[in-house]
Amino acid sequence: MELHGLLSALATPFTPGGESVNEQGLRDLIDRTISGGVHGIVPNGSTGEFPTMSHDERKHVQGGADLHLRRVD
């Protein structure tokens, strides 16, 4: 796979209490980012929260982003 264009690291939205990933917020963020003209997204990118997330949370974000993009595409 050859990467080209603009790739945007995504912040991971959490619920107000911070206890879990805000799944609808993640889908909305993906939609806004893609509609803004980027060529790709980087879930779990380097926006600061990655080191504090569990392995399961990271997999959940990546899987949710993949699934949503397949539905949008």
Protein backbone atom coordinates (compact mmCIF):
# COMPACT_ATOMS: atom_id res chain seq x y z
CA MET A 1 0.00 0.00 0.00
CA GLU A 2 1.30 3.43 -0.92
CA LEU A 3 0.18 6.33 1.24
CA HIS A 4 -0.28 9.75 -0.27
CA GLY A 5 -2.14 12.95 0.43
CA LEU A 6 -3.18 14.35 3.78
CA LEU A 7 -3.66 11.92 6.67
CA SER A 8 -5.21 13.30 9.85
CA ALA A 9 -4.60 11.93 13.35
CA LEU A 10 -7.92 11.76 15.19
CA ALA A 11 -8.50 12.70 18.79
CA THR A 12 -10.43 9.95 20.55
CA PRO A 13 -13.74 11.26 21.90
CA PHE A 14 -14.76 9.88 25.29
CA THR A 15 -18.06 10.02 27.13
CA PRO A 16 -18.43 12.98 29.55
CA GLY A 17 -17.17 10.95 32.51
CA GLY A 18 -14.23 9.61 30.51
CA GLU A 19 -15.14 6.00 31.25
CA SER A 20 -15.55 4.85 27.65
CA VAL A 21 -15.12 5.84 24.02
CA ASN A 22 -17.96 7.94 22.64
CA GLU A 23 -18.78 5.83 19.59
CA GLN A 24 -21.20 8.28 17.98
CA GLY A 25 -18.71 11.06 18.60
CA LEU A 26 -16.03 9.01 16.86
CA ARG A 27 -18.28 8.39 13.84
CA ASP A 28 -19.17 12.09 13.66
CA LEU A 29 -15.51 13.09 13.90
CA ILE A 30 -14.58 10.67 11.09
CA ASP A 31 -17.35 12.08 8.88
CA ARG A 32 -16.35 15.71 9.53
CA THR A 33 -12.68 14.96 8.95
CA ILE A 34 -13.23 13.11 5.67
CA SER A 35 -15.71 15.73 4.41
CA GLY A 36 -13.06 18.36 5.17
CA GLY A 37 -10.92 16.94 2.37
CA VAL A 38 -8.35 14.68 4.00
CA HIS A 39 -7.31 11.57 2.15
CA GLY A 40 -7.17 9.29 5.17
CA ILE A 41 -7.47 9.11 8.94
CA VAL A 42 -5.20 7.82 11.68
CA PRO A 43 -7.33 6.54 14.56
CA ASN A 44 -5.34 6.28 17.79
CA GLY A 45 -3.01 8.87 16.29
CA SER A 46 -0.64 10.95 18.33
CA THR A 47 -3.10 13.37 19.91
CA GLY A 48 -2.11 12.52 23.47
CA GLU A 49 -4.63 10.02 24.80
CA PHE A 50 -3.08 6.90 23.27
CA PRO A 51 -0.68 6.11 26.15
CA THR A 52 -3.51 6.24 28.68
CA MET A 53 -5.80 3.89 26.75
CA SER A 54 -5.93 0.15 27.35
CA HIS A 55 -5.10 -2.27 24.56
CA ASP A 56 -8.81 -3.17 24.32
CA GLU A 57 -9.80 0.50 24.01
CA ARG A 58 -7.27 1.00 21.21
CA LYS A 59 -8.59 -2.06 19.35
CA HIS A 60 -12.16 -0.84 19.88
CA VAL A 61 -11.39 2.58 18.35
CA GLN A 62 -9.56 1.07 15.38
CA GLY A 63 -12.29 -1.51 14.77
CA GLY A 64 -15.04 1.09 15.08
CA ALA A 65 -13.30 3.41 12.63
CA ASP A 66 -12.74 0.58 10.14
CA LEU A 67 -16.35 -0.55 10.35
CA HIS A 68 -17.72 2.99 9.96
CA LEU A 69 -15.53 3.74 6.95
CA ARG A 70 -16.70 0.55 5.24
CA ARG A 71 -20.31 1.69 5.71
CA VAL A 72 -19.57 5.19 4.40
CA ASP A 73 -17.54 4.00 1.42
